[in-house]
PDB file of all heavy atoms in Angstrom:
ATOM      1  N   ALA A   1      46.472  -3.592 204.897  1.00  0.00           N
ATOM      2  CA  ALA A   1      45.040  -3.468 205.146  1.00  0.00           C
ATOM      3  C   ALA A   1      44.781  -2.445 206.250  1.00  0.00           C
ATOM      4  O   ALA A   1      43.864  -1.617 206.166  1.00  0.00           O
ATOM      5  CB  ALA A   1      44.443  -4.814 205.515  1.00  0.00           C
ATOM      6  N   VAL A   2      45.600  -2.466 207.282  1.00  0.00           N
ATOM      7  CA  VAL A   2      45.455  -1.504 208.385  1.00  0.00           C
ATOM      8  C   VAL A   2      45.716  -0.099 207.868  1.00  0.00           C
ATOM      9  O   VAL A   2      44.993   0.843 208.194  1.00  0.00           O
ATOM     10  CB  VAL A   2      46.402  -1.869 209.551  1.00  0.00           C
ATOM     11  CG1 VAL A   2      46.473  -0.740 210.560  1.00  0.00           C
ATOM     12  CG2 VAL A   2      45.936  -3.150 210.216  1.00  0.00           C
ATOM     13  N   ARG A   3      46.757   0.051 207.027  1.00  0.00           N
ATOM     14  CA  ARG A   3      47.062   1.373 206.457  1.00  0.00           C
ATOM     15  C   ARG A   3      45.902   1.860 205.582  1.00  0.00           C
ATOM     16  O   ARG A   3      45.548   3.037 205.622  1.00  0.00           O
ATOM     17  CB  ARG A   3      48.350   1.302 205.651  1.00  0.00           C
ATOM     18  CG  ARG A   3      49.564   1.272 206.500  1.00  0.00           C
ATOM     19  CD  ARG A   3      50.824   1.345 205.672  1.00  0.00           C
ATOM     20  NE  ARG A   3      51.994   1.290 206.553  1.00  0.00           N
ATOM     21  CZ  ARG A   3      53.143   0.769 206.244  1.00  0.00           C
ATOM     22  NH1 ARG A   3      53.323   0.232 205.042  1.00  0.00           N
ATOM     23  NH2 ARG A   3      54.140   0.776 207.088  1.00  0.00           N
ATOM     24  N   ALA A   4      45.346   0.939 204.796  1.00  0.00           N
ATOM     25  CA  ALA A   4      44.220   1.297 203.930  1.00  0.00           C
ATOM     26  C   ALA A   4      43.024   1.714 204.782  1.00  0.00           C
ATOM     27  O   ALA A   4      42.356   2.722 204.496  1.00  0.00           O
ATOM     28  CB  ALA A   4      43.853   0.127 203.018  1.00  0.00           C
ATOM     29  N   ARG A   5      42.780   0.966 205.851  1.00  0.00           N
ATOM     30  CA  ARG A   5      41.668   1.336 206.741  1.00  0.00           C
ATOM     31  C   ARG A   5      41.943   2.666 207.445  1.00  0.00           C
ATOM     32  O   ARG A   5      41.043   3.485 207.633  1.00  0.00           O
ATOM     33  CB  ARG A   5      41.431   0.233 207.781  1.00  0.00           C
ATOM     34  CG  ARG A   5      40.576  -0.901 207.197  1.00  0.00           C
ATOM     35  CD  ARG A   5      40.163  -1.890 208.239  1.00  0.00           C
ATOM     36  NE  ARG A   5      41.350  -2.681 208.566  1.00  0.00           N
ATOM     37  CZ  ARG A   5      41.570  -3.303 209.722  1.00  0.00           C
ATOM     38  NH1 ARG A   5      40.674  -3.257 210.665  1.00  0.00           N
ATOM     39  NH2 ARG A   5      42.660  -3.977 209.930  1.00  0.00           N
ATOM     40  N   LEU A   6      43.204   2.877 207.815  1.00  0.00           N
ATOM     41  CA  LEU A   6      43.579   4.144 208.449  1.00  0.00           C
ATOM     42  C   LEU A   6      43.365   5.303 207.486  1.00  0.00           C
ATOM     43  O   LEU A   6      42.826   6.351 207.867  1.00  0.00           O
ATOM     44  CB  LEU A   6      45.044   4.085 208.914  1.00  0.00           C
ATOM     45  CG  LEU A   6      45.573   5.331 209.603  1.00  0.00           C
ATOM     46  CD1 LEU A   6      44.798   5.626 210.878  1.00  0.00           C
ATOM     47  CD2 LEU A   6      47.061   5.178 209.907  1.00  0.00           C
ATOM     48  N   LEU A   7      43.768   5.123 206.215  1.00  0.00           N
ATOM     49  CA  LEU A   7      43.571   6.156 205.192  1.00  0.00           C
ATOM     50  C   LEU A   7      42.079   6.412 204.980  1.00  0.00           C
ATOM     51  O   LEU A   7      41.643   7.565 204.911  1.00  0.00           O
ATOM     52  CB  LEU A   7      44.248   5.727 203.885  1.00  0.00           C
ATOM     53  CG  LEU A   7      44.219   6.735 202.753  1.00  0.00           C
ATOM     54  CD1 LEU A   7      44.935   8.021 203.144  1.00  0.00           C
ATOM     55  CD2 LEU A   7      44.869   6.154 201.499  1.00  0.00           C
ATOM     56  N   GLU A   8      41.302   5.340 204.909  1.00  0.00           N
ATOM     57  CA  GLU A   8      39.849   5.496 204.757  1.00  0.00           C
ATOM     58  C   GLU A   8      39.246   6.224 205.969  1.00  0.00           C
ATOM     59  O   GLU A   8      38.387   7.091 205.819  1.00  0.00           O
ATOM     60  CB  GLU A   8      39.178   4.121 204.616  1.00  0.00           C
ATOM     61  CG  GLU A   8      39.373   3.468 203.285  1.00  0.00           C
ATOM     62  CD  GLU A   8      38.780   2.057 203.243  1.00  0.00           C
ATOM     63  OE1 GLU A   8      38.050   1.684 204.202  1.00  0.00           O
ATOM     64  OE2 GLU A   8      39.050   1.344 202.276  1.00  0.00           O
ATOM     65  N   SER A   9      39.726   5.878 207.144  1.00  0.00           N
ATOM     66  CA  SER A   9      39.219   6.521 208.368  1.00  0.00           C
ATOM     67  C   SER A   9      39.555   7.998 208.373  1.00  0.00           C
ATOM     68  O   SER A   9      38.730   8.838 208.773  1.00  0.00           O
ATOM     69  CB  SER A   9      39.803   5.856 209.609  1.00  0.00           C
ATOM     70  OG  SER A   9      39.347   4.531 209.717  1.00  0.00           O
ATOM     71  N   ARG A  10      40.763   8.349 207.942  1.00  0.00           N
ATOM     72  CA  ARG A  10      41.156   9.758 207.882  1.00  0.00           C
ATOM     73  C   ARG A  10      40.296  10.531 206.873  1.00  0.00           C
ATOM     74  O   ARG A  10      39.868  11.653 207.135  1.00  0.00           O
ATOM     75  CB  ARG A  10      42.632   9.886 207.528  1.00  0.00           C
ATOM     76  CG  ARG A  10      43.536   9.537 208.679  1.00  0.00           C
ATOM     77  CD  ARG A  10      44.974   9.717 208.331  1.00  0.00           C
ATOM     78  NE  ARG A  10      45.818   9.365 209.473  1.00  0.00           N
ATOM     79  CZ  ARG A  10      47.096   9.075 209.387  1.00  0.00           C
ATOM     80  NH1 ARG A  10      47.697   9.093 208.210  1.00  0.00           N
ATOM     81  NH2 ARG A  10      47.787   8.781 210.464  1.00  0.00           N
ATOM     82  N   GLU A  11      40.069   9.908 205.718  1.00  0.00           N
ATOM     83  CA  GLU A  11      39.226  10.551 204.699  1.00  0.00           C
ATOM     84  C   GLU A  11      37.787  10.708 205.217  1.00  0.00           C
ATOM     85  O   GLU A  11      37.153  11.741 205.021  1.00  0.00           O
ATOM     86  CB  GLU A  11      39.257   9.749 203.399  1.00  0.00           C
ATOM     87  CG  GLU A  11      40.567   9.861 202.664  1.00  0.00           C
ATOM     88  CD  GLU A  11      40.641   8.972 201.429  1.00  0.00           C
ATOM     89  OE1 GLU A  11      39.615   8.331 201.091  1.00  0.00           O
ATOM     90  OE2 GLU A  11      41.714   8.924 200.822  1.00  0.00           O
ATOM     91  N   GLU A  12      37.294   9.678 205.904  1.00  0.00           N
ATOM     92  CA  GLU A  12      35.951   9.750 206.498  1.00  0.00           C
ATOM     93  C   GLU A  12      35.901  10.846 207.563  1.00  0.00           C
ATOM     94  O   GLU A  12      34.929  11.587 207.670  1.00  0.00           O
ATOM     95  CB  GLU A  12      35.568   8.386 207.095  1.00  0.00           C
ATOM     96  CG  GLU A  12      34.197   8.322 207.722  1.00  0.00           C
ATOM     97  CD  GLU A  12      33.062   8.406 206.716  1.00  0.00           C
ATOM     98  OE1 GLU A  12      33.290   8.272 205.503  1.00  0.00           O
ATOM     99  OE2 GLU A  12      31.919   8.624 207.160  1.00  0.00           O
ATOM    100  N   ALA A  13      36.971  10.968 208.361  1.00  0.00           N
ATOM    101  CA  ALA A  13      37.032  12.000 209.399  1.00  0.00           C
ATOM    102  C   ALA A  13      37.016  13.388 208.756  1.00  0.00           C
ATOM    103  O   ALA A  13      36.338  14.301 209.252  1.00  0.00           O
ATOM    104  CB  ALA A  13      38.281  11.818 210.261  1.00  0.00           C
ATOM    105  N   LYS A  14      37.756  13.568 207.635  1.00  0.00           N
ATOM    106  CA  LYS A  14      37.751  14.859 206.927  1.00  0.00           C
ATOM    107  C   LYS A  14      36.355  15.169 206.395  1.00  0.00           C
ATOM    108  O   LYS A  14      35.874  16.296 206.493  1.00  0.00           O
ATOM    109  CB  LYS A  14      38.758  14.836 205.771  1.00  0.00           C
ATOM    110  CG  LYS A  14      40.182  14.970 206.182  1.00  0.00           C
ATOM    111  CD  LYS A  14      41.092  14.980 204.955  1.00  0.00           C
ATOM    112  CE  LYS A  14      42.546  14.955 205.332  1.00  0.00           C
ATOM    113  NZ  LYS A  14      43.420  14.918 204.144  1.00  0.00           N
ATOM    114  N   ARG A  15      35.712  14.157 205.812  1.00  0.00           N
ATOM    115  CA  ARG A  15      34.364  14.347 205.273  1.00  0.00           C
ATOM    116  C   ARG A  15      33.391  14.715 206.393  1.00  0.00           C
ATOM    117  O   ARG A  15      32.599  15.642 206.272  1.00  0.00           O
ATOM    118  CB  ARG A  15      33.898  13.078 204.560  1.00  0.00           C
ATOM    119  CG  ARG A  15      32.543  13.236 203.848  1.00  0.00           C
ATOM    120  CD  ARG A  15      32.070  11.933 203.235  1.00  0.00           C
ATOM    121  NE  ARG A  15      31.768  10.905 204.215  1.00  0.00           N
ATOM    122  CZ  ARG A  15      30.675  10.869 204.974  1.00  0.00           C
ATOM    123  NH1 ARG A  15      29.787  11.816 204.894  1.00  0.00           N
ATOM    124  NH2 ARG A  15      30.482   9.883 205.830  1.00  0.00           N
ATOM    125  N   LEU A  16      33.482  13.997 207.511  1.00  0.00           N
ATOM    126  CA  LEU A  16      32.602  14.287 208.644  1.00  0.00           C
ATOM    127  C   LEU A  16      32.894  15.662 209.238  1.00  0.00           C
ATOM    128  O   LEU A  16      31.966  16.369 209.672  1.00  0.00           O
ATOM    129  CB  LEU A  16      32.732  13.200 209.713  1.00  0.00           C
ATOM    130  CG  LEU A  16      32.154  11.831 209.335  1.00  0.00           C
ATOM    131  CD1 LEU A  16      32.455  10.804 210.438  1.00  0.00           C
ATOM    132  CD2 LEU A  16      30.663  11.918 209.096  1.00  0.00           C
ATOM    133  N   ALA A  17      34.173  16.062 209.255  1.00  0.00           N
ATOM    134  CA  ALA A  17      34.519  17.395 209.755  1.00  0.00           C
ATOM    135  C   ALA A  17      33.906  18.460 208.853  1.00  0.00           C
ATOM    136  O   ALA A  17      33.414  19.488 209.327  1.00  0.00           O
ATOM    137  CB  ALA A  17      36.031  17.560 209.835  1.00  0.00           C
ATOM    138  N   GLY A  18      33.925  18.232 207.539  1.00  0.00           N
ATOM    139  CA  GLY A  18      33.278  19.162 206.608  1.00  0.00           C
ATOM    140  C   GLY A  18      31.783  19.229 206.840  1.00  0.00           C
ATOM    141  O   GLY A  18      31.187  20.316 206.844  1.00  0.00           O
ATOM    142  N   GLU A  19      31.152  18.080 207.032  1.00  0.00           N
ATOM    143  CA  GLU A  19      29.712  18.052 207.324  1.00  0.00           C
ATOM    144  C   GLU A  19      29.417  18.771 208.635  1.00  0.00           C
ATOM    145  O   GLU A  19      28.455  19.539 208.737  1.00  0.00           O
ATOM    146  CB  GLU A  19      29.210  16.606 207.406  1.00  0.00           C
ATOM    147  CG  GLU A  19      29.003  15.937 206.080  1.00  0.00           C
ATOM    148  CD  GLU A  19      28.417  14.534 206.233  1.00  0.00           C
ATOM    149  OE1 GLU A  19      27.752  14.263 207.254  1.00  0.00           O
ATOM    150  OE2 GLU A  19      28.647  13.717 205.333  1.00  0.00           O
ATOM    151  N   GLU A  20      30.263  18.511 209.637  1.00  0.00           N
ATOM    152  CA  GLU A  20      30.078  19.157 210.939  1.00  0.00           C
ATOM    153  C   GLU A  20      30.182  20.673 210.795  1.00  0.00           C
ATOM    154  O   GLU A  20      29.372  21.421 211.352  1.00  0.00           O
ATOM    155  CB  GLU A  20      31.127  18.654 211.934  1.00  0.00           C
ATOM    156  CG  GLU A  20      31.019  19.320 213.301  1.00  0.00           C
ATOM    157  CD  GLU A  20      32.152  18.927 214.228  1.00  0.00           C
ATOM    158  OE1 GLU A  20      33.236  18.559 213.752  1.00  0.00           O
ATOM    159  OE2 GLU A  20      31.929  19.008 215.448  1.00  0.00           O
ATOM    160  N   SER A  21      31.169  21.118 210.019  1.00  0.00           N
ATOM    161  CA  SER A  21      31.340  22.553 209.789  1.00  0.00           C
ATOM    162  C   SER A  21      30.103  23.136 209.104  1.00  0.00           C
ATOM    163  O   SER A  21      29.623  24.205 209.488  1.00  0.00           O
ATOM    164  CB  SER A  21      32.584  22.793 208.940  1.00  0.00           C
ATOM    165  OG  SER A  21      32.731  24.157 208.649  1.00  0.00           O
ATOM    166  N   GLY A  22      29.579  22.418 208.118  1.00  0.00           N
ATOM    167  CA  GLY A  22      28.368  22.878 207.431  1.00  0.00           C
ATOM    168  C   GLY A  22      27.168  22.924 208.366  1.00  0.00           C
ATOM    169  O   GLY A  22      26.371  23.868 208.350  1.00  0.00           O
ATOM    170  N   ILE A  23      27.040  21.902 209.188  1.00  0.00           N
ATOM    171  CA  ILE A  23      25.923  21.845 210.137  1.00  0.00           C
ATOM    172  C   ILE A  23      26.050  22.962 211.174  1.00  0.00           C
ATOM    173  O   ILE A  23      25.061  23.630 211.499  1.00  0.00           O
ATOM    174  CB  ILE A  23      25.845  20.457 210.810  1.00  0.00           C
ATOM    175  CG1 ILE A  23      25.403  19.411 209.777  1.00  0.00           C
ATOM    176  CG2 ILE A  23      24.897  20.469 211.998  1.00  0.00           C
ATOM    177  CD1 ILE A  23      25.509  17.979 210.260  1.00  0.00           C
ATOM    178  N   LEU A  24      27.275  23.188 211.663  1.00  0.00           N
ATOM    179  CA  LEU A  24      27.480  24.269 212.634  1.00  0.00           C
ATOM    180  C   LEU A  24      27.171  25.629 212.004  1.00  0.00           C
ATOM    181  O   LEU A  24      26.571  26.489 212.644  1.00  0.00           O
ATOM    182  CB  LEU A  24      28.914  24.243 213.171  1.00  0.00           C
ATOM    183  CG  LEU A  24      29.223  23.142 214.175  1.00  0.00           C
ATOM    184  CD1 LEU A  24      30.710  23.158 214.543  1.00  0.00           C
ATOM    185  CD2 LEU A  24      28.380  23.294 215.432  1.00  0.00           C
ATOM    186  N   GLY A  25      27.570  25.807 210.743  1.00  0.00           N
ATOM    187  CA  GLY A  25      27.250  27.047 210.043  1.00  0.00           C
ATOM    188  C   GLY A  25      25.746  27.236 209.914  1.00  0.00           C
ATOM    189  O   GLY A  25      25.216  28.336 210.132  1.00  0.00           O
ATOM    190  N   SER A  26      25.049  26.158 209.589  1.00  0.00           N
ATOM    191  CA  SER A  26      23.587  26.217 209.484  1.00  0.00           C
ATOM    192  C   SER A  26      22.954  26.537 210.830  1.00  0.00           C
ATOM    193  O   SER A  26      22.014  27.341 210.912  1.00  0.00           O
ATOM    194  CB  SER A  26      23.032  24.888 208.971  1.00  0.00           C
ATOM    195  OG  SER A  26      23.467  24.641 207.662  1.00  0.00           O
ATOM    196  N   LEU A  27      23.460  25.921 211.890  1.00  0.00           N
ATOM    197  CA  LEU A  27      22.933  26.193 213.230  1.00  0.00           C
ATOM    198  C   LEU A  27      23.161  27.651 213.630  1.00  0.00           C
ATOM    199  O   LEU A  27      22.280  28.290 214.213  1.00  0.00           O
ATOM    200  CB  LEU A  27      23.566  25.259 214.259  1.00  0.00           C
ATOM    201  CG  LEU A  27      23.054  23.821 214.268  1.00  0.00           C
ATOM    202  CD1 LEU A  27      23.860  22.976 215.257  1.00  0.00           C
ATOM    203  CD2 LEU A  27      21.586  23.775 214.616  1.00  0.00           C
ATOM    204  N   MET A  28      24.336  28.175 213.308  1.00  0.00           N
ATOM    205  CA  MET A  28      24.622  29.574 213.624  1.00  0.00           C
ATOM    206  C   MET A  28      23.689  30.497 212.846  1.00  0.00           C
ATOM    207  O   MET A  28      23.185  31.486 213.390  1.00  0.00           O
ATOM    208  CB  MET A  28      26.091  29.895 213.333  1.00  0.00           C
ATOM    209  CG  MET A  28      27.047  29.260 214.333  1.00  0.00           C
ATOM    210  SD  MET A  28      28.800  29.440 213.931  1.00  0.00           S
ATOM    211  CE  MET A  28      28.993  31.191 213.813  1.00  0.00           C
ATOM    212  N   LYS A  29      23.436  30.183 211.585  1.00  0.00           N
ATOM    213  CA  LYS A  29      22.525  30.984 210.772  1.00  0.00           C
ATOM    214  C   LYS A  29      21.117  30.915 211.343  1.00  0.00           C
ATOM    215  O   LYS A  29      20.423  31.939 211.445  1.00  0.00           O
ATOM    216  CB  LYS A  29      22.556  30.474 209.322  1.00  0.00           C
ATOM    217  CG  LYS A  29      21.576  31.138 208.399  1.00  0.00           C
ATOM    218  CD  LYS A  29      21.979  32.556 208.075  1.00  0.00           C
ATOM    219  CE  LYS A  29      21.068  33.115 206.997  1.00  0.00           C
ATOM    220  NZ  LYS A  29      20.432  34.341 207.367  1.00  0.00           N
ATOM    221  N   LEU A  30      20.676  29.718 211.728  1.00  0.00           N
ATOM    222  CA  LEU A  30      19.349  29.564 212.331  1.00  0.00           C
ATOM    223  C   LEU A  30      19.247  30.335 213.650  1.00  0.00           C
ATOM    224  O   LEU A  30      18.220  30.957 213.934  1.00  0.00           O
ATOM    225  CB  LEU A  30      19.028  28.088 212.558  1.00  0.00           C
ATOM    226  CG  LEU A  30      18.725  27.266 211.301  1.00  0.00           C
ATOM    227  CD1 LEU A  30      18.599  25.791 211.661  1.00  0.00           C
ATOM    228  CD2 LEU A  30      17.468  27.757 210.622  1.00  0.00           C
ATOM    229  N   ASP A  31      20.302  30.306 214.443  1.00  0.00           N
ATOM    230  CA  ASP A  31      20.311  31.039 215.704  1.00  0.00           C
ATOM    231  C   ASP A  31      20.227  32.543 215.451  1.00  0.00           C
ATOM    232  O   ASP A  31      19.489  33.254 216.135  1.00  0.00           O
ATOM    233  CB  ASP A  31      21.570  30.696 216.503  1.00  0.00           C
ATOM    234  CG  ASP A  31      21.538  31.264 217.905  1.00  0.00           C
ATOM    235  OD1 ASP A  31      20.500  31.106 218.572  1.00  0.00           O
ATOM    236  OD2 ASP A  31      22.540  31.881 218.320  1.00  0.00           O
ATOM    237  N   GLU A  32      20.951  33.014 214.457  1.00  0.00           N
ATOM    238  CA  GLU A  32      20.899  34.433 214.088  1.00  0.00           C
ATOM    239  C   GLU A  32      19.497  34.802 213.596  1.00  0.00           C
ATOM    240  O   GLU A  32      18.956  35.843 213.982  1.00  0.00           O
ATOM    241  CB  GLU A  32      21.934  34.710 212.988  1.00  0.00           C
ATOM    242  CG  GLU A  32      22.044  36.159 212.592  1.00  0.00           C
ATOM    243  CD  GLU A  32      23.092  36.359 211.514  1.00  0.00           C
ATOM    244  OE1 GLU A  32      24.179  35.768 211.608  1.00  0.00           O
ATOM    245  OE2 GLU A  32      22.808  37.130 210.573  1.00  0.00           O
ATOM    246  N   ASP A  33      18.928  33.947 212.761  1.00  0.00           N
ATOM    247  CA  ASP A  33      17.558  34.184 212.282  1.00  0.00           C
ATOM    248  C   ASP A  33      16.572  34.215 213.449  1.00  0.00           C
ATOM    249  O   ASP A  33      15.659  35.048 213.482  1.00  0.00           O
ATOM    250  CB  ASP A  33      17.139  33.112 211.275  1.00  0.00           C
ATOM    251  CG  ASP A  33      17.851  33.240 209.935  1.00  0.00           C
ATOM    252  OD1 ASP A  33      18.487  34.288 209.697  1.00  0.00           O
ATOM    253  OD2 ASP A  33      17.761  32.297 209.132  1.00  0.00           O
TER     254      ASP A  33
END
């Protein structure tokens, strides 16, 4: 169960990192605009 939760947490962290990257890209574009 701990391993499953750890795997889920890692997948969630990857998903959040992707969202963060997208948000940072959007912020950079807005700043440039």
